[in-house]
Amino acid sequence: MLACFAPIVNENTKILILGTMPGAQSLAKLQYYAHPQNQFWKIIYSTYTTHPVADLFEEKSALLQQHHLGLWDVLAYCERRGSLDVNIKNHTENDIADLIRQFPKIKKILFNGKQSYQYFKRKFGQIEGVSCHVMPSTSPAHTIKFEQKLIQWQRALLG
């Protein structure tokens, strides 16, 4: 059974970014989006700074929090071979609604890919006062061009 990480969130978080479940490399390194070909951190750094993506996960987390972004996964536990969401079985969702009650400044959720949104929607439907946006997955398995992903993510993050 795989388990997700603790959320990166604080009292100033306004946008919560939700993935499905960390991939194999992320779980091995105990860091969100640790696969070198995943474009998540490149998108965040391209949006908020001119600096290259930091090597230290603590610096990446600090950049998120500087810009009032939170990070978590829809699933708390699951079984999965490999890293693809289509292989997920026997899952349990995190209590996203409770997290939003604890951190009421969260008014927007960005889903990193369609699958995370599907799991969320089945469990929670819609959370009052929170807008939901399904973003193109930053996974290397999602093959649209980086520039297209970046434009869509920047609109949601900055809009």
Protein backbone atom coordinates (compact mmCIF):
# COMPACT_ATOMS: atom_id res chain seq x y z
CA MET A 1 0.00 0.00 0.00
CA LEU A 2 1.35 3.42 -0.99
CA ALA A 3 0.83 6.49 1.19
CA CYS A 4 0.89 10.15 0.19
CA PHE A 5 2.96 12.87 1.81
CA ALA A 6 1.80 15.44 4.32
CA PRO A 7 0.34 18.56 2.73
CA ILE A 8 2.46 21.65 2.19
CA VAL A 9 0.02 24.27 3.41
CA ASN A 10 -0.16 27.08 5.93
CA GLU A 11 -2.53 29.79 7.14
CA ASN A 12 -1.71 31.97 4.09
CA THR A 13 -2.42 29.34 1.42
CA LYS A 14 -4.92 30.58 -1.17
CA ILE A 15 -4.44 28.05 -3.99
CA LEU A 16 -4.22 24.32 -3.32
CA ILE A 17 -2.63 22.17 -6.03
CA LEU A 18 -3.73 18.54 -5.91
CA GLY A 19 -2.11 15.60 -7.63
CA THR A 20 -3.39 12.05 -7.47
CA MET A 21 -0.60 10.13 -5.65
CA PRO A 22 3.18 10.62 -5.78
CA GLY A 23 4.96 8.56 -8.43
CA ALA A 24 7.59 5.93 -7.68
CA GLN A 25 10.58 8.34 -7.84
CA SER A 26 8.80 10.90 -5.67
CA LEU A 27 7.99 8.23 -3.09
CA ALA A 28 11.59 6.99 -3.13
CA LYS A 29 12.97 10.52 -2.63
CA LEU A 30 10.17 11.56 -0.22
CA GLN A 31 9.49 14.71 -2.31
CA TYR A 32 6.63 15.91 -4.42
CA TYR A 33 7.31 15.80 -8.19
CA ALA A 34 10.82 14.34 -7.90
CA HIS A 35 10.87 12.71 -11.37
CA PRO A 36 13.35 14.81 -13.39
CA GLN A 37 11.06 14.85 -16.44
CA ASN A 38 7.99 16.00 -14.53
CA GLN A 39 7.44 19.64 -15.43
CA PHE A 40 5.72 20.77 -12.22
CA TRP A 41 8.67 22.61 -10.68
CA LYS A 42 9.71 24.08 -14.02
CA ILE A 43 6.20 25.54 -14.36
CA ILE A 44 6.23 26.96 -10.81
CA TYR A 45 9.70 28.49 -11.24
CA SER A 46 8.87 29.85 -14.72
CA THR A 47 5.78 31.51 -13.25
CA TYR A 48 7.22 33.06 -10.09
CA THR A 49 10.95 33.61 -10.53
CA THR A 50 13.77 33.92 -13.04
CA HIS A 51 15.95 31.56 -10.98
CA PRO A 52 16.59 27.98 -12.11
CA VAL A 53 14.69 25.24 -10.29
CA ALA A 54 16.28 24.69 -6.89
CA ASP A 55 17.88 21.36 -6.07
CA LEU A 56 16.77 21.42 -2.45
CA PHE A 57 13.16 20.44 -1.85
CA GLU A 58 12.99 22.86 1.09
CA GLU A 59 13.67 25.77 -1.28
CA LYS A 60 10.98 24.55 -3.67
CA SER A 61 8.49 24.31 -0.80
CA ALA A 62 9.44 27.79 0.40
CA LEU A 63 8.75 29.23 -3.07
CA LEU A 64 5.28 27.66 -3.01
CA GLN A 65 4.50 29.14 0.37
CA GLN A 66 5.89 32.58 -0.60
CA HIS A 67 3.24 32.68 -3.30
CA HIS A 68 0.42 31.31 -1.14
CA LEU A 69 0.38 27.93 -2.86
CA GLY A 70 -0.29 24.62 -1.17
CA LEU A 71 0.42 21.12 -2.40
CA TRP A 72 -1.16 17.76 -1.60
CA ASP A 73 -2.68 14.70 -3.20
CA VAL A 74 -6.29 13.62 -3.52
CA LEU A 75 -5.47 10.07 -2.46
CA ALA A 76 -4.14 9.20 0.97
CA TYR A 77 -3.49 5.52 0.17
CA CYS A 78 -3.63 3.23 -2.83
CA GLU A 79 -2.15 0.23 -4.53
CA ARG A 80 -0.42 0.89 -7.84
CA ARG A 81 2.13 -0.78 -10.09
CA GLY A 82 4.51 1.82 -11.50
CA SER A 83 3.58 5.49 -11.48
CA LEU A 84 0.59 5.77 -13.81
CA ASP A 85 -2.76 6.82 -12.36
CA VAL A 86 -4.57 4.27 -14.53
CA ASN A 87 -2.97 1.51 -12.42
CA ILE A 88 -4.43 2.76 -9.11
CA LYS A 89 -6.54 0.29 -7.13
CA ASN A 90 -8.02 0.11 -3.62
CA HIS A 91 -7.70 3.81 -2.89
CA THR A 92 -8.68 6.00 0.03
CA GLU A 93 -9.08 9.76 -0.39
CA ASN A 94 -7.57 12.46 1.81
CA ASP A 95 -10.08 14.65 3.61
CA ILE A 96 -9.69 17.69 1.35
CA ALA A 97 -12.87 19.29 2.72
CA ASP A 98 -11.45 19.20 6.25
CA LEU A 99 -8.15 20.70 5.09
CA ILE A 100 -10.04 23.58 3.52
CA ARG A 101 -12.01 24.09 6.74
CA GLN A 102 -8.69 24.27 8.62
CA PHE A 103 -7.22 26.71 6.07
CA PRO A 104 -10.16 28.89 5.00
CA LYS A 105 -8.11 31.22 2.76
CA ILE A 106 -7.99 28.41 0.18
CA LYS A 107 -10.42 29.56 -2.51
CA LYS A 108 -9.03 27.77 -5.56
CA ILE A 109 -7.98 24.20 -6.29
CA LEU A 110 -5.83 23.33 -9.29
CA PHE A 111 -5.86 19.65 -10.19
CA ASN A 112 -2.65 18.36 -11.73
CA GLY A 113 -4.38 16.25 -14.39
CA LYS A 114 -7.86 14.89 -14.98
CA GLN A 115 -7.51 11.79 -12.84
CA SER A 116 -6.95 13.72 -9.60
CA TYR A 117 -10.10 15.72 -10.35
CA GLN A 118 -12.12 12.57 -11.03
CA TYR A 119 -11.20 11.06 -7.64
CA PHE A 120 -11.95 14.38 -5.93
CA LYS A 121 -15.30 14.85 -7.68
CA ARG A 122 -16.50 11.32 -6.80
CA LYS A 123 -15.74 11.89 -3.11
CA PHE A 124 -16.50 15.59 -2.58
CA GLY A 125 -18.47 16.88 -5.56
CA GLN A 126 -18.02 20.62 -5.17
CA ILE A 127 -16.81 22.46 -2.06
CA GLU A 128 -18.73 25.68 -1.47
CA GLY A 129 -16.70 28.84 -2.02
CA VAL A 130 -13.83 27.04 -3.76
CA SER A 131 -13.30 27.13 -7.53
CA CYS A 132 -11.88 24.02 -9.20
CA HIS A 133 -9.66 24.00 -12.28
CA VAL A 134 -8.40 20.91 -14.09
CA MET A 135 -4.91 21.57 -15.40
CA PRO A 136 -2.88 19.65 -17.95
CA SER A 137 -0.82 17.06 -16.13
CA THR A 138 2.82 17.97 -15.57
CA SER A 139 3.73 14.28 -15.93
CA PRO A 140 6.04 13.26 -18.77
CA ALA A 141 3.28 10.82 -19.79
CA HIS A 142 1.09 13.81 -20.75
CA THR A 143 2.66 14.81 -24.03
CA ILE A 144 1.41 18.29 -24.91
CA LYS A 145 4.21 20.83 -25.35
CA PHE A 146 5.66 22.50 -22.27
CA GLU A 147 4.77 25.98 -23.58
CA GLN A 148 1.09 25.00 -23.84
CA LYS A 149 1.10 23.58 -20.31
CA LEU A 150 2.87 26.68 -19.00
CA ILE A 151 0.31 29.09 -20.50
CA GLN A 152 -2.62 27.19 -18.99
CA TRP A 153 -0.97 26.85 -15.59
CA GLN A 154 0.04 30.53 -15.51
CA ARG A 155 -3.50 31.66 -16.31
CA ALA A 156 -4.83 29.62 -13.41
CA LEU A 157 -2.06 30.52 -10.97
CA LEU A 158 -1.99 34.24 -11.70
CA GLY A 159 -5.61 34.83 -12.73
